[in-house]
PDB file of N, CA and C in Angstrom:
ATOM      1  N   MET A   1      13.820  17.472 -27.095  1.00  0.00           N
ATOM      2  CA  MET A   1      12.829  17.506 -26.037  1.00  0.00           C
ATOM      3  C   MET A   1      11.810  16.392 -26.269  1.00  0.00           C
ATOM      4  N   ASN A   2      11.250  15.921 -25.171  1.00  0.00           N
ATOM      5  CA  ASN A   2      10.257  14.864 -25.313  1.00  0.00           C
ATOM      6  C   ASN A   2       8.890  15.363 -24.877  1.00  0.00           C
ATOM      7  N   ASN A   3       7.886  14.548 -25.134  1.00  0.00           N
ATOM      8  CA  ASN A   3       6.513  14.907 -24.794  1.00  0.00           C
ATOM      9  C   ASN A   3       5.977  14.059 -23.656  1.00  0.00           C
ATOM     10  N   LYS A   4       6.857  13.462 -22.874  1.00  0.00           N
ATOM     11  CA  LYS A   4       6.436  12.586 -21.790  1.00  0.00           C
ATOM     12  C   LYS A   4       5.776  13.401 -20.687  1.00  0.00           C
ATOM     13  N   VAL A   5       4.619  12.896 -20.179  1.00  0.00           N
ATOM     14  CA  VAL A   5       3.922  13.515 -19.058  1.00  0.00           C
ATOM     15  C   VAL A   5       3.843  12.486 -17.943  1.00  0.00           C
ATOM     16  N   ILE A   6       4.308  12.857 -16.759  1.00  0.00           N
ATOM     17  CA  ILE A   6       4.328  11.955 -15.610  1.00  0.00           C
ATOM     18  C   ILE A   6       3.484  12.568 -14.504  1.00  0.00           C
ATOM     19  N   SER A   7       2.528  11.785 -13.987  1.00  0.00           N
ATOM     20  CA  SER A   7       1.716  12.223 -12.847  1.00  0.00           C
ATOM     21  C   SER A   7       2.438  11.871 -11.560  1.00  0.00           C
ATOM     22  N   VAL A   8       2.499  12.819 -10.648  1.00  0.00           N
ATOM     23  CA  VAL A   8       3.152  12.602  -9.358  1.00  0.00           C
ATOM     24  C   VAL A   8       2.191  13.004  -8.242  1.00  0.00           C
ATOM     25  N   ASP A   9       2.357  12.386  -7.076  1.00  0.00           N
ATOM     26  CA  ASP A   9       1.544  12.773  -5.930  1.00  0.00           C
ATOM     27  C   ASP A   9       2.418  13.482  -4.902  1.00  0.00           C
ATOM     28  N   LYS A  10       1.804  13.967  -3.849  1.00  0.00           N
ATOM     29  CA  LYS A  10       2.541  14.757  -2.851  1.00  0.00           C
ATOM     30  C   LYS A  10       3.615  13.942  -2.145  1.00  0.00           C
ATOM     31  N   LYS A  11       3.484  12.609  -2.149  1.00  0.00           N
ATOM     32  CA  LYS A  11       4.516  11.763  -1.534  1.00  0.00           C
ATOM     33  C   LYS A  11       5.819  11.812  -2.324  1.00  0.00           C
ATOM     34  N   SER A  12       5.749  12.238  -3.587  1.00  0.00           N
ATOM     35  CA  SER A  12       6.935  12.303  -4.450  1.00  0.00           C
ATOM     36  C   SER A  12       7.706  13.609  -4.291  1.00  0.00           C
ATOM     37  N   LEU A  13       7.210  14.503  -3.455  1.00  0.00           N
ATOM     38  CA  LEU A  13       7.873  15.796  -3.273  1.00  0.00           C
ATOM     39  C   LEU A  13       8.988  15.693  -2.250  1.00  0.00           C
ATOM     40  N   PRO A  14      10.073  16.412  -2.364  1.00  0.00           N
ATOM     41  CA  PRO A  14      10.368  17.342  -3.436  1.00  0.00           C
ATOM     42  C   PRO A  14      10.614  16.603  -4.749  1.00  0.00           C
ATOM     43  N   LEU A  15      10.197  17.226  -5.819  1.00  0.00           N
ATOM     44  CA  LEU A  15      10.266  16.624  -7.149  1.00  0.00           C
ATOM     45  C   LEU A  15      11.600  16.950  -7.805  1.00  0.00           C
ATOM     46  N   PHE A  16      12.197  15.942  -8.407  1.00  0.00           N
ATOM     47  CA  PHE A  16      13.418  16.178  -9.172  1.00  0.00           C
ATOM     48  C   PHE A  16      13.399  15.342 -10.438  1.00  0.00           C
ATOM     49  N   CYS A  17      14.157  15.769 -11.414  1.00  0.00           N
ATOM     50  CA  CYS A  17      14.270  15.079 -12.695  1.00  0.00           C
ATOM     51  C   CYS A  17      15.751  14.905 -12.993  1.00  0.00           C
ATOM     52  N   PRO A  18      16.189  13.761 -13.458  1.00  0.00           N
ATOM     53  CA  PRO A  18      15.412  12.551 -13.682  1.00  0.00           C
ATOM     54  C   PRO A  18      15.022  11.898 -12.358  1.00  0.00           C
ATOM     55  N   THR A  19      13.891  11.202 -12.366  1.00  0.00           N
ATOM     56  CA  THR A  19      13.421  10.529 -11.160  1.00  0.00           C
ATOM     57  C   THR A  19      14.225   9.259 -10.925  1.00  0.00           C
ATOM     58  N   GLN A  20      14.056   8.682  -9.755  1.00  0.00           N
ATOM     59  CA  GLN A  20      14.781   7.454  -9.422  1.00  0.00           C
ATOM     60  C   GLN A  20      14.317   6.280 -10.273  1.00  0.00           C
ATOM     61  N   LYS A  21      13.142   6.365 -10.858  1.00  0.00           N
ATOM     62  CA  LYS A  21      12.605   5.280 -11.680  1.00  0.00           C
ATOM     63  C   LYS A  21      13.188   5.281 -13.088  1.00  0.00           C
ATOM     64  N   GLU A  22      13.824   6.363 -13.483  1.00  0.00           N
ATOM     65  CA  GLU A  22      14.360   6.467 -14.831  1.00  0.00           C
ATOM     66  C   GLU A  22      15.816   6.026 -14.870  1.00  0.00           C
ATOM     67  N   ASN A  23      16.222   5.568 -16.032  1.00  0.00           N
ATOM     68  CA  ASN A  23      17.605   5.169 -16.245  1.00  0.00           C
ATOM     69  C   ASN A  23      18.478   6.427 -16.250  1.00  0.00           C
ATOM     70  N   LEU A  24      19.445   6.483 -15.362  1.00  0.00           N
ATOM     71  CA  LEU A  24      20.287   7.674 -15.240  1.00  0.00           C
ATOM     72  C   LEU A  24      21.465   7.688 -16.206  1.00  0.00           C
ATOM     73  N   PHE A  25      21.684   6.591 -16.933  1.00  0.00           N
ATOM     74  CA  PHE A  25      22.802   6.534 -17.867  1.00  0.00           C
ATOM     75  C   PHE A  25      22.609   7.569 -18.974  1.00  0.00           C
ATOM     76  N   SER A  26      23.638   8.308 -19.260  1.00  0.00           N
ATOM     77  CA  SER A  26      23.657   9.365 -20.282  1.00  0.00           C
ATOM     78  C   SER A  26      22.470  10.311 -20.131  1.00  0.00           C
ATOM     79  N   SER A  27      22.177  10.659 -18.908  1.00  0.00           N
ATOM     80  CA  SER A  27      21.065  11.551 -18.615  1.00  0.00           C
ATOM     81  C   SER A  27      21.601  12.931 -18.248  1.00  0.00           C
ATOM     82  N   HIS A  28      20.700  13.852 -17.998  1.00  0.00           N
ATOM     83  CA  HIS A  28      21.118  15.193 -17.595  1.00  0.00           C
ATOM     84  C   HIS A  28      21.326  15.245 -16.083  1.00  0.00           C
ATOM     85  N   PRO A  29      21.931  16.310 -15.578  1.00  0.00           N
ATOM     86  CA  PRO A  29      22.121  16.453 -14.131  1.00  0.00           C
ATOM     87  C   PRO A  29      20.770  16.532 -13.419  1.00  0.00           C
ATOM     88  N   ARG A  30      20.740  16.109 -12.167  1.00  0.00           N
ATOM     89  CA  ARG A  30      19.504  16.180 -11.383  1.00  0.00           C
ATOM     90  C   ARG A  30      19.147  17.645 -11.139  1.00  0.00           C
ATOM     91  N   VAL A  31      17.889  17.955 -11.375  1.00  0.00           N
ATOM     92  CA  VAL A  31      17.384  19.308 -11.148  1.00  0.00           C
ATOM     93  C   VAL A  31      16.092  19.197 -10.335  1.00  0.00           C
ATOM     94  N   PHE A  32      15.983  20.020  -9.296  1.00  0.00           N
ATOM     95  CA  PHE A  32      14.772  20.041  -8.478  1.00  0.00           C
ATOM     96  C   PHE A  32      13.770  20.995  -9.113  1.00  0.00           C
ATOM     97  N   LEU A  33      12.504  20.569  -9.151  1.00  0.00           N
ATOM     98  CA  LEU A  33      11.452  21.315  -9.833  1.00  0.00           C
ATOM     99  C   LEU A  33      10.361  21.717  -8.843  1.00  0.00           C
ATOM    100  N   ASP A  34       9.917  22.966  -8.904  1.00  0.00           N
ATOM    101  CA  ASP A  34       8.853  23.458  -8.027  1.00  0.00           C
ATOM    102  C   ASP A  34       7.509  23.272  -8.725  1.00  0.00           C
ATOM    103  N   ILE A  35       6.779  22.263  -8.296  1.00  0.00           N
ATOM    104  CA  ILE A  35       5.480  21.947  -8.882  1.00  0.00           C
ATOM    105  C   ILE A  35       4.337  22.499  -8.039  1.00  0.00           C
ATOM    106  N   THR A  36       4.647  23.021  -6.864  1.00  0.00           N
ATOM    107  CA  THR A  36       3.607  23.424  -5.915  1.00  0.00           C
ATOM    108  C   THR A  36       2.861  24.695  -6.333  1.00  0.00           C
ATOM    109  N   GLN A  37       3.458  25.553  -7.117  1.00  0.00           N
ATOM    110  CA  GLN A  37       2.813  26.816  -7.501  1.00  0.00           C
ATOM    111  C   GLN A  37       1.652  26.611  -8.474  1.00  0.00           C
ATOM    112  N   THR A  38       1.884  25.812  -9.513  1.00  0.00           N
ATOM    113  CA  THR A  38       0.880  25.673 -10.576  1.00  0.00           C
ATOM    114  C   THR A  38       0.326  24.263 -10.718  1.00  0.00           C
ATOM    115  N   GLY A  39       0.962  23.283 -10.075  1.00  0.00           N
ATOM    116  CA  GLY A  39       0.517  21.898 -10.215  1.00  0.00           C
ATOM    117  C   GLY A  39       1.068  21.217 -11.447  1.00  0.00           C
ATOM    118  N   MET A  40       1.908  21.931 -12.190  1.00  0.00           N
ATOM    119  CA  MET A  40       2.494  21.383 -13.409  1.00  0.00           C
ATOM    120  C   MET A  40       3.829  22.072 -13.650  1.00  0.00           C
ATOM    121  N   VAL A  41       4.822  21.289 -14.090  1.00  0.00           N
ATOM    122  CA  VAL A  41       6.134  21.870 -14.359  1.00  0.00           C
ATOM    123  C   VAL A  41       6.843  21.004 -15.395  1.00  0.00           C
ATOM    124  N   SER A  42       7.684  21.631 -16.209  1.00  0.00           N
ATOM    125  CA  SER A  42       8.473  20.910 -17.207  1.00  0.00           C
ATOM    126  C   SER A  42       9.951  21.028 -16.876  1.00  0.00           C
ATOM    127  N   CYS A  43      10.676  19.953 -17.111  1.00  0.00           N
ATOM    128  CA  CYS A  43      12.114  19.947 -16.887  1.00  0.00           C
ATOM    129  C   CYS A  43      12.793  20.800 -17.962  1.00  0.00           C
ATOM    130  N   PRO A  44      13.663  21.723 -17.560  1.00  0.00           N
ATOM    131  CA  PRO A  44      14.344  22.561 -18.547  1.00  0.00           C
ATOM    132  C   PRO A  44      15.371  21.800 -19.382  1.00  0.00           C
ATOM    133  N   TYR A  45      15.809  20.633 -18.923  1.00  0.00           N
ATOM    134  CA  TYR A  45      16.795  19.851 -19.668  1.00  0.00           C
ATOM    135  C   TYR A  45      16.156  18.938 -20.705  1.00  0.00           C
ATOM    136  N   CYS A  46      15.195  18.113 -20.282  1.00  0.00           N
ATOM    137  CA  CYS A  46      14.666  17.085 -21.188  1.00  0.00           C
ATOM    138  C   CYS A  46      13.237  17.349 -21.648  1.00  0.00           C
ATOM    139  N   GLY A  47      12.547  18.300 -21.011  1.00  0.00           N
ATOM    140  CA  GLY A  47      11.195  18.636 -21.427  1.00  0.00           C
ATOM    141  C   GLY A  47      10.104  17.761 -20.844  1.00  0.00           C
ATOM    142  N   THR A  48      10.460  16.793 -20.000  1.00  0.00           N
ATOM    143  CA  THR A  48       9.447  15.963 -19.365  1.00  0.00           C
ATOM    144  C   THR A  48       8.536  16.853 -18.529  1.00  0.00           C
ATOM    145  N   THR A  49       7.232  16.662 -18.672  1.00  0.00           N
ATOM    146  CA  THR A  49       6.255  17.435 -17.918  1.00  0.00           C
ATOM    147  C   THR A  49       5.747  16.606 -16.756  1.00  0.00           C
ATOM    148  N   TYR A  50       5.668  17.222 -15.607  1.00  0.00           N
ATOM    149  CA  TYR A  50       5.167  16.572 -14.397  1.00  0.00           C
ATOM    150  C   TYR A  50       3.885  17.272 -13.983  1.00  0.00           C
ATOM    151  N   LYS A  51       2.844  16.458 -13.671  1.00  0.00           N
ATOM    152  CA  LYS A  51       1.558  16.987 -13.218  1.00  0.00           C
ATOM    153  C   LYS A  51       1.280  16.453 -11.828  1.00  0.00           C
ATOM    154  N   LEU A  52       0.858  17.337 -10.938  1.00  0.00           N
ATOM    155  CA  LEU A  52       0.521  16.957  -9.573  1.00  0.00           C
ATOM    156  C   LEU A  52      -0.896  16.394  -9.547  1.00  0.00           C
ATOM    157  N   LYS A  53      -1.053  15.215  -8.930  1.00  0.00           N
ATOM    158  CA  LYS A  53      -2.383  14.577  -8.845  1.00  0.00           C
ATOM    159  C   LYS A  53      -3.260  15.317  -7.877  1.00  0.00           C
TER     160      LYS A  53
END
């Protein structure tokens, strides 16, 4: 797991990991994440945390 924290804005919704900005080679499957409830969510595969601005 990693400790990366990425800030996202509402234009980035729906949120998924890995994002289009990340290298998809040898990555995990795309998973959609619900950030709207708490404003923060972590990917269950890689542990990247996303925070809503």
